[in-house]
Amino acid sequence: MPAVVLVHGLYHRPEHFGRVAEPMRTAGIEVVVPELHRGSLSADTAAVQAAVDSLAEPPLVLGHSYGGSVITGVRGAGQLVYLTAFV
């Protein structure tokens, strides 16, 4: 099972994915939820890229809302999933 990177929206924080991330972790899935709001789209994309690059295998990367715009610039993901996202 690939790792999962969950990317939150503009007015959200990593904690908002808690109800999704915790059951996945309990099931043995590695889950990373990077903190955004670094001042620009490129800075946020770099934060997510760093999370992807830190993983041993290409992860599934899910972007919600503004997170969809962020993940569009990420390279090396196994899959990109857009959940009610801006692209």
PDB file of N, CA and C in Angstrom:
ATOM      1  N   MET A   1       0.854  -1.178   0.000  1.00  0.00           N
ATOM      2  CA  MET A   1       0.000   0.000   0.000  1.00  0.00           C
ATOM      3  C   MET A   1       0.898   1.239   0.000  1.00  0.00           C
ATOM      4  N   PRO A   2       0.691   2.149  -0.941  1.00  0.00           N
ATOM      5  CA  PRO A   2       1.532   3.351  -0.978  1.00  0.00           C
ATOM      6  C   PRO A   2       1.209   4.286   0.183  1.00  0.00           C
ATOM      7  N   ALA A   3       2.173   5.111   0.503  1.00  0.00           N
ATOM      8  CA  ALA A   3       1.935   6.182   1.475  1.00  0.00           C
ATOM      9  C   ALA A   3       0.952   7.173   0.864  1.00  0.00           C
ATOM     10  N   VAL A   4       0.363   7.992   1.719  1.00  0.00           N
ATOM     11  CA  VAL A   4      -0.616   8.987   1.285  1.00  0.00           C
ATOM     12  C   VAL A   4      -0.193  10.349   1.817  1.00  0.00           C
ATOM     13  N   VAL A   5      -0.220  11.343   0.944  1.00  0.00           N
ATOM     14  CA  VAL A   5       0.016  12.732   1.342  1.00  0.00           C
ATOM     15  C   VAL A   5      -1.306  13.465   1.176  1.00  0.00           C
ATOM     16  N   LEU A   6      -1.821  14.017   2.271  1.00  0.00           N
ATOM     17  CA  LEU A   6      -3.085  14.755   2.262  1.00  0.00           C
ATOM     18  C   LEU A   6      -2.777  16.243   2.308  1.00  0.00           C
ATOM     19  N   VAL A   7      -3.308  16.988   1.351  1.00  0.00           N
ATOM     20  CA  VAL A   7      -3.002  18.415   1.226  1.00  0.00           C
ATOM     21  C   VAL A   7      -4.282  19.208   1.445  1.00  0.00           C
ATOM     22  N   HIS A   8      -4.277  19.989   2.499  1.00  0.00           N
ATOM     23  CA  HIS A   8      -5.480  20.723   2.911  1.00  0.00           C
ATOM     24  C   HIS A   8      -5.724  21.975   2.076  1.00  0.00           C
ATOM     25  N   GLY A   9      -6.895  22.551   2.271  1.00  0.00           N
ATOM     26  CA  GLY A   9      -7.294  23.752   1.557  1.00  0.00           C
ATOM     27  C   GLY A   9      -6.796  25.026   2.213  1.00  0.00           C
ATOM     28  N   LEU A  10      -7.148  26.133   1.615  1.00  0.00           N
ATOM     29  CA  LEU A  10      -6.639  27.439   2.031  1.00  0.00           C
ATOM     30  C   LEU A  10      -7.009  27.798   3.459  1.00  0.00           C
ATOM     31  N   TYR A  11      -8.219  27.555   3.862  1.00  0.00           N
ATOM     32  CA  TYR A  11      -8.656  27.938   5.206  1.00  0.00           C
ATOM     33  C   TYR A  11      -8.671  26.751   6.157  1.00  0.00           C
ATOM     34  N   HIS A  12      -7.877  25.755   5.863  1.00  0.00           N
ATOM     35  CA  HIS A  12      -7.797  24.566   6.699  1.00  0.00           C
ATOM     36  C   HIS A  12      -6.386  24.399   7.235  1.00  0.00           C
ATOM     37  N   ARG A  13      -6.266  23.444   8.134  1.00  0.00           N
ATOM     38  CA  ARG A  13      -4.977  23.102   8.729  1.00  0.00           C
ATOM     39  C   ARG A  13      -4.823  21.588   8.657  1.00  0.00           C
ATOM     40  N   PRO A  14      -3.628  21.075   8.871  1.00  0.00           N
ATOM     41  CA  PRO A  14      -3.445  19.626   8.829  1.00  0.00           C
ATOM     42  C   PRO A  14      -4.395  18.865   9.757  1.00  0.00           C
ATOM     43  N   GLU A  15      -4.727  19.455  10.887  1.00  0.00           N
ATOM     44  CA  GLU A  15      -5.610  18.792  11.851  1.00  0.00           C
ATOM     45  C   GLU A  15      -6.987  18.485  11.270  1.00  0.00           C
ATOM     46  N   HIS A  16      -7.394  19.234  10.251  1.00  0.00           N
ATOM     47  CA  HIS A  16      -8.705  18.991   9.655  1.00  0.00           C
ATOM     48  C   HIS A  16      -8.784  17.641   8.939  1.00  0.00           C
ATOM     49  N   PHE A  17      -7.650  17.044   8.640  1.00  0.00           N
ATOM     50  CA  PHE A  17      -7.635  15.710   8.033  1.00  0.00           C
ATOM     51  C   PHE A  17      -7.539  14.601   9.079  1.00  0.00           C
ATOM     52  N   GLY A  18      -7.619  14.945  10.355  1.00  0.00           N
ATOM     53  CA  GLY A  18      -7.461  13.956  11.422  1.00  0.00           C
ATOM     54  C   GLY A  18      -8.414  12.781  11.333  1.00  0.00           C
ATOM     55  N   ARG A  19      -9.666  13.047  11.024  1.00  0.00           N
ATOM     56  CA  ARG A  19     -10.655  11.966  10.958  1.00  0.00           C
ATOM     57  C   ARG A  19     -10.425  11.044   9.761  1.00  0.00           C
ATOM     58  N   VAL A  20      -9.639  11.488   8.824  1.00  0.00           N
ATOM     59  CA  VAL A  20      -9.271  10.652   7.675  1.00  0.00           C
ATOM     60  C   VAL A  20      -7.919   9.983   7.932  1.00  0.00           C
ATOM     61  N   ALA A  21      -6.967  10.767   8.423  1.00  0.00           N
ATOM     62  CA  ALA A  21      -5.599  10.278   8.584  1.00  0.00           C
ATOM     63  C   ALA A  21      -5.472   9.210   9.668  1.00  0.00           C
ATOM     64  N   GLU A  22      -6.125   9.395  10.790  1.00  0.00           N
ATOM     65  CA  GLU A  22      -5.943   8.456  11.904  1.00  0.00           C
ATOM     66  C   GLU A  22      -6.394   7.035  11.578  1.00  0.00           C
ATOM     67  N   PRO A  23      -7.576   6.823  10.985  1.00  0.00           N
ATOM     68  CA  PRO A  23      -7.939   5.445  10.622  1.00  0.00           C
ATOM     69  C   PRO A  23      -6.985   4.832   9.591  1.00  0.00           C
ATOM     70  N   MET A  24      -6.467   5.661   8.701  1.00  0.00           N
ATOM     71  CA  MET A  24      -5.506   5.156   7.720  1.00  0.00           C
ATOM     72  C   MET A  24      -4.227   4.719   8.425  1.00  0.00           C
ATOM     73  N   ARG A  25      -3.767   5.532   9.366  1.00  0.00           N
ATOM     74  CA  ARG A  25      -2.561   5.168  10.126  1.00  0.00           C
ATOM     75  C   ARG A  25      -2.796   3.895  10.934  1.00  0.00           C
ATOM     76  N   THR A  26      -3.971   3.786  11.530  1.00  0.00           N
ATOM     77  CA  THR A  26      -4.315   2.585  12.293  1.00  0.00           C
ATOM     78  C   THR A  26      -4.270   1.347  11.402  1.00  0.00           C
ATOM     79  N   ALA A  27      -4.619   1.524  10.136  1.00  0.00           N
ATOM     80  CA  ALA A  27      -4.588   0.418   9.170  1.00  0.00           C
ATOM     81  C   ALA A  27      -3.183   0.150   8.630  1.00  0.00           C
ATOM     82  N   GLY A  28      -2.193   0.907   9.101  1.00  0.00           N
ATOM     83  CA  GLY A  28      -0.817   0.675   8.688  1.00  0.00           C
ATOM     84  C   GLY A  28      -0.355   1.481   7.492  1.00  0.00           C
ATOM     85  N   ILE A  29      -1.145   2.449   7.075  1.00  0.00           N
ATOM     86  CA  ILE A  29      -0.779   3.293   5.937  1.00  0.00           C
ATOM     87  C   ILE A  29      -0.001   4.496   6.451  1.00  0.00           C
ATOM     88  N   GLU A  30       1.128   4.774   5.835  1.00  0.00           N
ATOM     89  CA  GLU A  30       1.892   5.968   6.193  1.00  0.00           C
ATOM     90  C   GLU A  30       1.169   7.183   5.618  1.00  0.00           C
ATOM     91  N   VAL A  31       0.867   8.153   6.483  1.00  0.00           N
ATOM     92  CA  VAL A  31       0.135   9.353   6.075  1.00  0.00           C
ATOM     93  C   VAL A  31       0.943  10.579   6.473  1.00  0.00           C
ATOM     94  N   VAL A  32       1.110  11.494   5.521  1.00  0.00           N
ATOM     95  CA  VAL A  32       1.800  12.757   5.761  1.00  0.00           C
ATOM     96  C   VAL A  32       0.825  13.876   5.421  1.00  0.00           C
ATOM     97  N   VAL A  33       0.724  14.858   6.318  1.00  0.00           N
ATOM     98  CA  VAL A  33      -0.158  16.005   6.080  1.00  0.00           C
ATOM     99  C   VAL A  33       0.677  17.269   6.282  1.00  0.00           C
ATOM    100  N   PRO A  34       1.284  17.790   5.207  1.00  0.00           N
ATOM    101  CA  PRO A  34       2.141  18.961   5.358  1.00  0.00           C
ATOM    102  C   PRO A  34       1.345  20.225   5.666  1.00  0.00           C
ATOM    103  N   GLU A  35       1.985  21.130   6.361  1.00  0.00           N
ATOM    104  CA  GLU A  35       1.402  22.440   6.682  1.00  0.00           C
ATOM    105  C   GLU A  35       1.608  23.363   5.488  1.00  0.00           C
ATOM    106  N   LEU A  36       0.537  24.005   5.034  1.00  0.00           N
ATOM    107  CA  LEU A  36       0.631  24.970   3.937  1.00  0.00           C
ATOM    108  C   LEU A  36       0.665  26.386   4.504  1.00  0.00           C
ATOM    109  N   HIS A  37       0.275  27.344   3.699  1.00  0.00           N
ATOM    110  CA  HIS A  37       0.234  28.768   4.050  1.00  0.00           C
ATOM    111  C   HIS A  37       1.642  29.323   4.254  1.00  0.00           C
ATOM    112  N   ARG A  38       2.478  29.077   3.283  1.00  0.00           N
ATOM    113  CA  ARG A  38       3.856  29.549   3.343  1.00  0.00           C
ATOM    114  C   ARG A  38       4.052  30.849   2.569  1.00  0.00           C
ATOM    115  N   GLY A  39       2.967  31.457   2.131  1.00  0.00           N
ATOM    116  CA  GLY A  39       3.068  32.764   1.507  1.00  0.00           C
ATOM    117  C   GLY A  39       2.839  32.797   0.014  1.00  0.00           C
ATOM    118  N   SER A  40       2.947  31.648  -0.655  1.00  0.00           N
ATOM    119  CA  SER A  40       2.716  31.632  -2.097  1.00  0.00           C
ATOM    120  C   SER A  40       2.414  30.206  -2.546  1.00  0.00           C
ATOM    121  N   LEU A  41       1.828  30.102  -3.723  1.00  0.00           N
ATOM    122  CA  LEU A  41       1.551  28.786  -4.297  1.00  0.00           C
ATOM    123  C   LEU A  41       2.845  28.004  -4.486  1.00  0.00           C
ATOM    124  N   SER A  42       3.883  28.661  -4.966  1.00  0.00           N
ATOM    125  CA  SER A  42       5.144  27.944  -5.195  1.00  0.00           C
ATOM    126  C   SER A  42       5.765  27.465  -3.883  1.00  0.00           C
ATOM    127  N   ALA A  43       5.653  28.242  -2.820  1.00  0.00           N
ATOM    128  CA  ALA A  43       6.182  27.815  -1.518  1.00  0.00           C
ATOM    129  C   ALA A  43       5.380  26.642  -0.968  1.00  0.00           C
ATOM    130  N   ASP A  44       4.056  26.683  -1.143  1.00  0.00           N
ATOM    131  CA  ASP A  44       3.225  25.568  -0.688  1.00  0.00           C
ATOM    132  C   ASP A  44       3.517  24.309  -1.495  1.00  0.00           C
ATOM    133  N   THR A  45       3.698  24.463  -2.804  1.00  0.00           N
ATOM    134  CA  THR A  45       4.042  23.318  -3.645  1.00  0.00           C
ATOM    135  C   THR A  45       5.385  22.733  -3.222  1.00  0.00           C
ATOM    136  N   ALA A  46       6.341  23.584  -2.891  1.00  0.00           N
ATOM    137  CA  ALA A  46       7.650  23.102  -2.434  1.00  0.00           C
ATOM    138  C   ALA A  46       7.523  22.312  -1.136  1.00  0.00           C
ATOM    139  N   ALA A  47       6.631  22.735  -0.240  1.00  0.00           N
ATOM    140  CA  ALA A  47       6.425  22.007   1.016  1.00  0.00           C
ATOM    141  C   ALA A  47       5.863  20.613   0.749  1.00  0.00           C
ATOM    142  N   VAL A  48       4.918  20.526  -0.173  1.00  0.00           N
ATOM    143  CA  VAL A  48       4.344  19.221  -0.516  1.00  0.00           C
ATOM    144  C   VAL A  48       5.375  18.377  -1.265  1.00  0.00           C
ATOM    145  N   GLN A  49       6.145  18.998  -2.143  1.00  0.00           N
ATOM    146  CA  GLN A  49       7.183  18.261  -2.867  1.00  0.00           C
ATOM    147  C   GLN A  49       8.186  17.665  -1.891  1.00  0.00           C
ATOM    148  N   ALA A  50       8.548  18.417  -0.861  1.00  0.00           N
ATOM    149  CA  ALA A  50       9.475  17.903   0.151  1.00  0.00           C
ATOM    150  C   ALA A  50       8.884  16.686   0.859  1.00  0.00           C
ATOM    151  N   ALA A  51       7.583  16.726   1.136  1.00  0.00           N
ATOM    152  CA  ALA A  51       6.921  15.575   1.766  1.00  0.00           C
ATOM    153  C   ALA A  51       6.964  14.359   0.844  1.00  0.00           C
ATOM    154  N   VAL A  52       6.675  14.567  -0.433  1.00  0.00           N
ATOM    155  CA  VAL A  52       6.712  13.473  -1.413  1.00  0.00           C
ATOM    156  C   VAL A  52       8.130  12.911  -1.521  1.00  0.00           C
ATOM    157  N   ASP A  53       9.106  13.795  -1.592  1.00  0.00           N
ATOM    158  CA  ASP A  53      10.496  13.368  -1.747  1.00  0.00           C
ATOM    159  C   ASP A  53      11.019  12.615  -0.527  1.00  0.00           C
ATOM    160  N   SER A  54      10.404  12.831   0.636  1.00  0.00           N
ATOM    161  CA  SER A  54      10.864  12.176   1.862  1.00  0.00           C
ATOM    162  C   SER A  54      10.415  10.719   1.964  1.00  0.00           C
ATOM    163  N   LEU A  55       9.525  10.304   1.081  1.00  0.00           N
ATOM    164  CA  LEU A  55       8.960   8.957   1.151  1.00  0.00           C
ATOM    165  C   LEU A  55       9.727   7.988   0.257  1.00  0.00           C
ATOM    166  N   ALA A  56       9.776   6.733   0.673  1.00  0.00           N
ATOM    167  CA  ALA A  56      10.548   5.724  -0.058  1.00  0.00           C
ATOM    168  C   ALA A  56       9.943   5.377  -1.413  1.00  0.00           C
ATOM    169  N   GLU A  57       8.623   5.373  -1.502  1.00  0.00           N
ATOM    170  CA  GLU A  57       7.915   5.022  -2.734  1.00  0.00           C
ATOM    171  C   GLU A  57       7.021   6.184  -3.161  1.00  0.00           C
ATOM    172  N   PRO A  58       6.689   6.280  -4.442  1.00  0.00           N
ATOM    173  CA  PRO A  58       5.779   7.337  -4.888  1.00  0.00           C
ATOM    174  C   PRO A  58       4.419   7.215  -4.184  1.00  0.00           C
ATOM    175  N   PRO A  59       3.988   8.273  -3.499  1.00  0.00           N
ATOM    176  CA  PRO A  59       2.734   8.207  -2.752  1.00  0.00           C
ATOM    177  C   PRO A  59       1.527   8.610  -3.588  1.00  0.00           C
ATOM    178  N   LEU A  60       0.373   8.314  -3.051  1.00  0.00           N
ATOM    179  CA  LEU A  60      -0.869   8.902  -3.538  1.00  0.00           C
ATOM    180  C   LEU A  60      -0.943  10.278  -2.889  1.00  0.00           C
ATOM    181  N   VAL A  61      -1.159  11.314  -3.681  1.00  0.00           N
ATOM    182  CA  VAL A  61      -1.249  12.681  -3.161  1.00  0.00           C
ATOM    183  C   VAL A  61      -2.655  13.196  -3.426  1.00  0.00           C
ATOM    184  N   LEU A  62      -3.344  13.563  -2.354  1.00  0.00           N
ATOM    185  CA  LEU A  62      -4.714  14.056  -2.442  1.00  0.00           C
ATOM    186  C   LEU A  62      -4.738  15.532  -2.082  1.00  0.00           C
ATOM    187  N   GLY A  63      -5.323  16.342  -2.961  1.00  0.00           N
ATOM    188  CA  GLY A  63      -5.460  17.770  -2.699  1.00  0.00           C
ATOM    189  C   GLY A  63      -6.916  18.161  -2.606  1.00  0.00           C
ATOM    190  N   HIS A  64      -7.266  18.849  -1.532  1.00  0.00           N
ATOM    191  CA  HIS A  64      -8.634  19.327  -1.323  1.00  0.00           C
ATOM    192  C   HIS A  64      -8.656  20.846  -1.466  1.00  0.00           C
ATOM    193  N   SER A  65      -9.641  21.362  -2.200  1.00  0.00           N
ATOM    194  CA  SER A  65      -9.830  22.799  -2.366  1.00  0.00           C
ATOM    195  C   SER A  65      -8.545  23.406  -2.949  1.00  0.00           C
ATOM    196  N   TYR A  66      -7.991  24.420  -2.294  1.00  0.00           N
ATOM    197  CA  TYR A  66      -6.742  25.041  -2.739  1.00  0.00           C
ATOM    198  C   TYR A  66      -5.621  24.004  -2.875  1.00  0.00           C
ATOM    199  N   GLY A  67      -5.677  22.955  -2.083  1.00  0.00           N
ATOM    200  CA  GLY A  67      -4.672  21.895  -2.174  1.00  0.00           C
ATOM    201  C   GLY A  67      -4.588  21.276  -3.561  1.00  0.00           C
ATOM    202  N   GLY A  68      -5.684  21.333  -4.323  1.00  0.00           N
ATOM    203  CA  GLY A  68      -5.656  20.840  -5.697  1.00  0.00           C
ATOM    204  C   GLY A  68      -4.716  21.644  -6.571  1.00  0.00           C
ATOM    205  N   SER A  69      -4.724  22.957  -6.389  1.00  0.00           N
ATOM    206  CA  SER A  69      -3.787  23.803  -7.136  1.00  0.00           C
ATOM    207  C   SER A  69      -2.358  23.489  -6.738  1.00  0.00           C
ATOM    208  N   VAL A  70      -2.158  23.238  -5.458  1.00  0.00           N
ATOM    209  CA  VAL A  70      -0.821  22.945  -4.946  1.00  0.00           C
ATOM    210  C   VAL A  70      -0.285  21.645  -5.537  1.00  0.00           C
ATOM    211  N   ILE A  71      -1.085  20.586  -5.526  1.00  0.00           N
ATOM    212  CA  ILE A  71      -0.558  19.282  -5.963  1.00  0.00           C
ATOM    213  C   ILE A  71      -0.324  19.203  -7.460  1.00  0.00           C
ATOM    214  N   THR A  72      -0.927  20.103  -8.222  1.00  0.00           N
ATOM    215  CA  THR A  72      -0.729  20.088  -9.673  1.00  0.00           C
ATOM    216  C   THR A  72       0.742  20.259 -10.035  1.00  0.00           C
ATOM    217  N   GLY A  73       1.503  20.965  -9.214  1.00  0.00           N
ATOM    218  CA  GLY A  73       2.917  21.184  -9.485  1.00  0.00           C
ATOM    219  C   GLY A  73       3.852  20.156  -8.884  1.00  0.00           C
ATOM    220  N   VAL A  74       3.324  19.123  -8.243  1.00  0.00           N
ATOM    221  CA  VAL A  74       4.148  18.118  -7.571  1.00  0.00           C
ATOM    222  C   VAL A  74       4.585  17.045  -8.565  1.00  0.00           C
ATOM    223  N   ARG A  75       5.833  16.645  -8.467  1.00  0.00           N
ATOM    224  CA  ARG A  75       6.390  15.599  -9.330  1.00  0.00           C
ATOM    225  C   ARG A  75       6.725  14.373  -8.489  1.00  0.00           C
ATOM    226  N   GLY A  76       6.620  13.217  -9.088  1.00  0.00           N
ATOM    227  CA  GLY A  76       7.029  11.990  -8.421  1.00  0.00           C
ATOM    228  C   GLY A  76       5.946  11.315  -7.610  1.00  0.00           C
ATOM    229  N   ALA A  77       4.715  11.777  -7.732  1.00  0.00           N
ATOM    230  CA  ALA A  77       3.604  11.118  -7.042  1.00  0.00           C
ATOM    231  C   ALA A  77       3.168   9.899  -7.842  1.00  0.00           C
ATOM    232  N   GLY A  78       2.721   8.877  -7.144  1.00  0.00           N
ATOM    233  CA  GLY A  78       2.172   7.713  -7.826  1.00  0.00           C
ATOM    234  C   GLY A  78       0.830   8.029  -8.451  1.00  0.00           C
ATOM    235  N   GLN A  79       0.020   8.783  -7.723  1.00  0.00           N
ATOM    236  CA  GLN A  79      -1.292   9.214  -8.204  1.00  0.00           C
ATOM    237  C   GLN A  79      -1.594  10.582  -7.615  1.00  0.00           C
ATOM    238  N   LEU A  80      -2.317  11.390  -8.371  1.00  0.00           N
ATOM    239  CA  LEU A  80      -2.852  12.655  -7.873  1.00  0.00           C
ATOM    240  C   LEU A  80      -4.363  12.512  -7.804  1.00  0.00           C
ATOM    241  N   VAL A  81      -4.939  12.873  -6.670  1.00  0.00           N
ATOM    242  CA  VAL A  81      -6.384  12.808  -6.473  1.00  0.00           C
ATOM    243  C   VAL A  81      -6.866  14.205  -6.114  1.00  0.00           C
ATOM    244  N   TYR A  82      -7.850  14.690  -6.857  1.00  0.00           N
ATOM    245  CA  TYR A  82      -8.421  16.015  -6.626  1.00  0.00           C
ATOM    246  C   TYR A  82      -9.787  15.847  -5.976  1.00  0.00           C
ATOM    247  N   LEU A  83      -9.928  16.315  -4.732  1.00  0.00           N
ATOM    248  CA  LEU A  83     -11.167  16.185  -3.977  1.00  0.00           C
ATOM    249  C   LEU A  83     -11.795  17.564  -3.828  1.00  0.00           C
ATOM    250  N   THR A  84     -12.885  17.803  -4.557  1.00  0.00           N
ATOM    251  CA  THR A  84     -13.524  19.126  -4.596  1.00  0.00           C
ATOM    252  C   THR A  84     -12.446  20.205  -4.591  1.00  0.00           C
ATOM    253  N   ALA A  85     -11.612  20.158  -5.617  1.00  0.00           N
ATOM    254  CA  ALA A  85     -10.390  20.951  -5.654  1.00  0.00           C
ATOM    255  C   ALA A  85     -10.424  22.019  -6.737  1.00  0.00           C
ATOM    256  N   PHE A  86      -9.611  23.037  -6.512  1.00  0.00           N
ATOM    257  CA  PHE A  86      -9.340  24.045  -7.532  1.00  0.00           C
ATOM    258  C   PHE A  86      -8.148  23.564  -8.341  1.00  0.00           C
ATOM    259  N   VAL A  87      -8.275  23.630  -9.674  1.00  0.00           N
ATOM    260  CA  VAL A  87      -7.150  23.239 -10.526  1.00  0.00           C
ATOM    261  C   VAL A  87      -6.877  24.318 -11.549  1.00  0.00           C
TER     262      VAL A  87
END
